[in-house]
Amino acid sequence: MLNVALFGMTAKEWRENNLEFAKNGNMRDYTDLLHLIILNNLENTNVELIRMNIKQSDRLIRLNESARNQMEALKTIIKILKN
C-alpha cells in the first residue's frame, strides 16, 4: 500500500514493468533519497493510522496526500538550500 501511495503502483507492477532492474533489486533500490525519506515517513504514519483503526482505503488516501505534501515541502527546502 505504501508503494501505491508514493509511487502509484505496487511492487509487483513495478517488477512487471521493469524486468531488467527487477533482476537485481526492487523499486526501493532504484529510487532516490527524497523518495526513501518520504517512504520512511509514510511507514511511520501508516502505523499510527492503523493504531487509530483507520480502514485501508482511507489510509491510502491520507498517505497519498501526505506523500504529495512532503514531496512539495522537501523540494522547496532543497531548492532553498541550493541557493
N, C-alpha and C. Protein backbone atom coordinates (compact mmCIF):
# COMPACT_ATOMS: atom_id res chain seq x y z
N MET A 1 0.82 -1.19 0.00
CA MET A 1 0.00 0.00 0.00
C MET A 1 0.87 1.26 0.00
N LEU A 2 1.99 1.22 0.72
CA LEU A 2 2.86 2.39 0.77
C LEU A 2 3.44 2.71 -0.61
N ASN A 3 3.79 1.67 -1.36
CA ASN A 3 4.30 1.90 -2.71
C ASN A 3 3.25 2.57 -3.59
N VAL A 4 2.01 2.16 -3.44
CA VAL A 4 0.92 2.76 -4.22
C VAL A 4 0.75 4.23 -3.82
N ALA A 5 0.80 4.50 -2.53
CA ALA A 5 0.63 5.88 -2.05
C ALA A 5 1.73 6.80 -2.57
N LEU A 6 2.96 6.28 -2.66
CA LEU A 6 4.08 7.12 -3.07
C LEU A 6 4.38 7.04 -4.55
N PHE A 7 4.44 5.83 -5.09
CA PHE A 7 4.87 5.63 -6.47
C PHE A 7 3.73 5.44 -7.46
N GLY A 8 2.52 5.18 -6.93
CA GLY A 8 1.38 4.99 -7.81
C GLY A 8 1.28 3.59 -8.39
N MET A 9 2.06 2.65 -7.83
CA MET A 9 1.99 1.26 -8.31
C MET A 9 2.48 0.33 -7.22
N THR A 10 2.06 -0.91 -7.33
CA THR A 10 2.52 -1.93 -6.38
C THR A 10 3.93 -2.38 -6.77
N ALA A 11 4.58 -3.07 -5.85
CA ALA A 11 5.91 -3.63 -6.14
C ALA A 11 5.82 -4.63 -7.28
N LYS A 12 4.75 -5.40 -7.32
CA LYS A 12 4.56 -6.38 -8.40
C LYS A 12 4.43 -5.68 -9.75
N GLU A 13 3.66 -4.61 -9.80
CA GLU A 13 3.51 -3.86 -11.05
C GLU A 13 4.86 -3.29 -11.50
N TRP A 14 5.65 -2.80 -10.54
CA TRP A 14 6.96 -2.27 -10.88
C TRP A 14 7.84 -3.36 -11.48
N ARG A 15 7.85 -4.52 -10.83
CA ARG A 15 8.66 -5.64 -11.33
C ARG A 15 8.26 -6.03 -12.74
N GLU A 16 6.96 -6.08 -12.98
CA GLU A 16 6.46 -6.46 -14.30
C GLU A 16 6.84 -5.44 -15.37
N ASN A 17 6.94 -4.18 -15.00
CA ASN A 17 7.27 -3.10 -15.93
C ASN A 17 8.76 -2.81 -16.03
N ASN A 18 9.54 -3.40 -15.15
CA ASN A 18 10.98 -3.15 -15.09
C ASN A 18 11.74 -4.46 -14.92
N LEU A 19 11.58 -5.35 -15.87
CA LEU A 19 12.14 -6.69 -15.75
C LEU A 19 13.65 -6.70 -15.55
N GLU A 20 14.37 -5.86 -16.27
CA GLU A 20 15.83 -5.84 -16.15
C GLU A 20 16.27 -5.37 -14.76
N PHE A 21 15.65 -4.30 -14.28
CA PHE A 21 16.00 -3.80 -12.95
C PHE A 21 15.59 -4.79 -11.87
N ALA A 22 14.44 -5.42 -12.05
CA ALA A 22 13.90 -6.34 -11.05
C ALA A 22 14.80 -7.55 -10.84
N LYS A 23 15.64 -7.86 -11.82
CA LYS A 23 16.57 -8.99 -11.66
C LYS A 23 17.59 -8.71 -10.56
N ASN A 24 17.90 -7.44 -10.34
CA ASN A 24 18.96 -7.07 -9.40
C ASN A 24 18.48 -6.35 -8.16
N GLY A 25 17.20 -6.13 -8.03
CA GLY A 25 16.71 -5.43 -6.84
C GLY A 25 15.23 -5.11 -6.95
N ASN A 26 14.78 -4.26 -6.04
CA ASN A 26 13.37 -3.87 -6.05
C ASN A 26 13.25 -2.37 -6.30
N MET A 27 12.03 -1.89 -6.36
CA MET A 27 11.81 -0.49 -6.71
C MET A 27 12.48 0.47 -5.73
N ARG A 28 12.56 0.08 -4.48
CA ARG A 28 13.20 0.94 -3.48
C ARG A 28 14.71 1.04 -3.73
N ASP A 29 15.28 0.00 -4.29
CA ASP A 29 16.71 0.04 -4.61
C ASP A 29 17.02 1.03 -5.72
N TYR A 30 16.04 1.37 -6.52
CA TYR A 30 16.26 2.22 -7.69
C TYR A 30 15.65 3.61 -7.55
N THR A 31 15.19 3.95 -6.37
CA THR A 31 14.62 5.27 -6.19
C THR A 31 15.65 6.21 -5.56
N ASP A 32 15.32 7.48 -5.48
CA ASP A 32 16.25 8.46 -4.94
C ASP A 32 16.02 8.66 -3.44
N LEU A 33 16.96 9.39 -2.84
CA LEU A 33 16.93 9.61 -1.41
C LEU A 33 15.66 10.33 -0.96
N LEU A 34 15.20 11.27 -1.74
CA LEU A 34 13.98 12.02 -1.40
C LEU A 34 12.80 11.07 -1.22
N HIS A 35 12.63 10.15 -2.17
CA HIS A 35 11.53 9.20 -2.08
C HIS A 35 11.70 8.23 -0.91
N LEU A 36 12.94 7.85 -0.63
CA LEU A 36 13.18 6.95 0.50
C LEU A 36 12.85 7.63 1.83
N ILE A 37 13.15 8.90 1.94
CA ILE A 37 12.81 9.65 3.16
C ILE A 37 11.29 9.70 3.33
N ILE A 38 10.61 10.03 2.25
CA ILE A 38 9.14 10.10 2.31
C ILE A 38 8.56 8.73 2.62
N LEU A 39 9.10 7.69 2.01
CA LEU A 39 8.61 6.34 2.27
C LEU A 39 8.76 5.97 3.74
N ASN A 40 9.88 6.32 4.32
CA ASN A 40 10.09 6.06 5.75
C ASN A 40 9.05 6.81 6.59
N ASN A 41 8.80 8.05 6.24
CA ASN A 41 7.78 8.83 6.95
C ASN A 41 6.40 8.21 6.80
N LEU A 42 6.10 7.73 5.59
CA LEU A 42 4.79 7.10 5.35
C LEU A 42 4.64 5.83 6.17
N GLU A 43 5.72 5.08 6.32
CA GLU A 43 5.66 3.86 7.14
C GLU A 43 5.26 4.20 8.57
N ASN A 44 5.87 5.24 9.11
CA ASN A 44 5.54 5.65 10.48
C ASN A 44 4.11 6.17 10.58
N THR A 45 3.69 6.95 9.60
CA THR A 45 2.32 7.47 9.60
C THR A 45 1.32 6.32 9.48
N ASN A 46 1.63 5.34 8.64
CA ASN A 46 0.73 4.21 8.46
C ASN A 46 0.53 3.44 9.77
N VAL A 47 1.60 3.27 10.52
CA VAL A 47 1.49 2.58 11.82
C VAL A 47 0.52 3.32 12.73
N GLU A 48 0.65 4.64 12.75
CA GLU A 48 -0.24 5.44 13.59
C GLU A 48 -1.69 5.34 13.12
N LEU A 49 -1.90 5.36 11.82
CA LEU A 49 -3.26 5.25 11.28
C LEU A 49 -3.87 3.88 11.59
N ILE A 50 -3.05 2.85 11.53
CA ILE A 50 -3.52 1.51 11.88
C ILE A 50 -3.93 1.47 13.34
N ARG A 51 -3.11 2.06 14.20
CA ARG A 51 -3.44 2.12 15.64
C ARG A 51 -4.75 2.85 15.89
N MET A 52 -5.07 3.79 15.01
CA MET A 52 -6.31 4.56 15.14
C MET A 52 -7.49 3.84 14.49
N ASN A 53 -7.25 2.63 14.00
CA ASN A 53 -8.27 1.81 13.34
C ASN A 53 -8.86 2.46 12.10
N ILE A 54 -8.03 3.19 11.35
CA ILE A 54 -8.46 3.79 10.10
C ILE A 54 -8.45 2.70 9.04
N LYS A 55 -9.53 2.56 8.29
CA LYS A 55 -9.59 1.50 7.30
C LYS A 55 -8.60 1.75 6.16
N GLN A 56 -8.21 0.68 5.49
CA GLN A 56 -7.14 0.73 4.50
C GLN A 56 -7.41 1.74 3.38
N SER A 57 -8.61 1.79 2.86
CA SER A 57 -8.90 2.72 1.77
C SER A 57 -8.71 4.17 2.21
N ASP A 58 -9.09 4.48 3.44
CA ASP A 58 -8.90 5.84 3.96
C ASP A 58 -7.44 6.12 4.25
N ARG A 59 -6.71 5.09 4.72
CA ARG A 59 -5.28 5.26 4.95
C ARG A 59 -4.56 5.57 3.65
N LEU A 60 -4.93 4.89 2.59
CA LEU A 60 -4.28 5.13 1.30
C LEU A 60 -4.47 6.58 0.85
N ILE A 61 -5.66 7.10 1.02
CA ILE A 61 -5.93 8.49 0.65
C ILE A 61 -5.07 9.44 1.49
N ARG A 62 -5.04 9.19 2.78
CA ARG A 62 -4.25 10.06 3.67
C ARG A 62 -2.75 9.95 3.38
N LEU A 63 -2.29 8.74 3.13
CA LEU A 63 -0.87 8.54 2.86
C LEU A 63 -0.46 9.18 1.54
N ASN A 64 -1.32 9.09 0.54
CA ASN A 64 -1.02 9.71 -0.75
C ASN A 64 -0.95 11.23 -0.60
N GLU A 65 -1.89 11.78 0.13
CA GLU A 65 -1.89 13.23 0.38
C GLU A 65 -0.64 13.64 1.14
N SER A 66 -0.27 12.85 2.13
CA SER A 66 0.93 13.13 2.90
C SER A 66 2.17 13.06 2.02
N ALA A 67 2.24 12.08 1.14
CA ALA A 67 3.38 11.94 0.23
C ALA A 67 3.50 13.16 -0.67
N ARG A 68 2.38 13.60 -1.22
CA ARG A 68 2.40 14.78 -2.09
C ARG A 68 2.84 16.02 -1.33
N ASN A 69 2.34 16.20 -0.12
CA ASN A 69 2.71 17.36 0.69
C ASN A 69 4.19 17.33 1.07
N GLN A 70 4.67 16.15 1.44
CA GLN A 70 6.08 16.03 1.81
C GLN A 70 6.98 16.29 0.61
N MET A 71 6.60 15.77 -0.55
CA MET A 71 7.40 15.96 -1.76
C MET A 71 7.52 17.45 -2.07
N GLU A 72 6.43 18.15 -2.01
CA GLU A 72 6.42 19.59 -2.28
C GLU A 72 7.29 20.34 -1.27
N ALA A 73 7.13 20.02 0.00
CA ALA A 73 7.89 20.70 1.04
C ALA A 73 9.38 20.41 0.92
N LEU A 74 9.73 19.16 0.70
CA LEU A 74 11.14 18.81 0.61
C LEU A 74 11.80 19.39 -0.63
N LYS A 75 11.07 19.43 -1.74
CA LYS A 75 11.63 20.04 -2.94
C LYS A 75 11.87 21.54 -2.72
N THR A 76 10.98 22.20 -2.01
CA THR A 76 11.15 23.61 -1.69
C THR A 76 12.38 23.81 -0.82
N ILE A 77 12.54 22.97 0.19
CA ILE A 77 13.70 23.07 1.08
C ILE A 77 14.99 22.85 0.30
N ILE A 78 15.01 21.85 -0.55
CA ILE A 78 16.20 21.56 -1.35
C ILE A 78 16.54 22.75 -2.26
N LYS A 79 15.53 23.33 -2.85
CA LYS A 79 15.74 24.49 -3.71
C LYS A 79 16.35 25.65 -2.92
N ILE A 80 15.83 25.89 -1.74
CA ILE A 80 16.34 26.97 -0.88
C ILE A 80 17.80 26.69 -0.50
N LEU A 81 18.10 25.45 -0.15
CA LEU A 81 19.45 25.10 0.27
C LEU A 81 20.46 25.21 -0.87
N LYS A 82 20.01 24.99 -2.08
CA LYS A 82 20.91 25.08 -3.23
C LYS A 82 21.27 26.53 -3.56
N ASN A 83 20.44 27.47 -3.16
CA ASN A 83 20.69 28.89 -3.45
C ASN A 83 21.58 29.53 -2.45
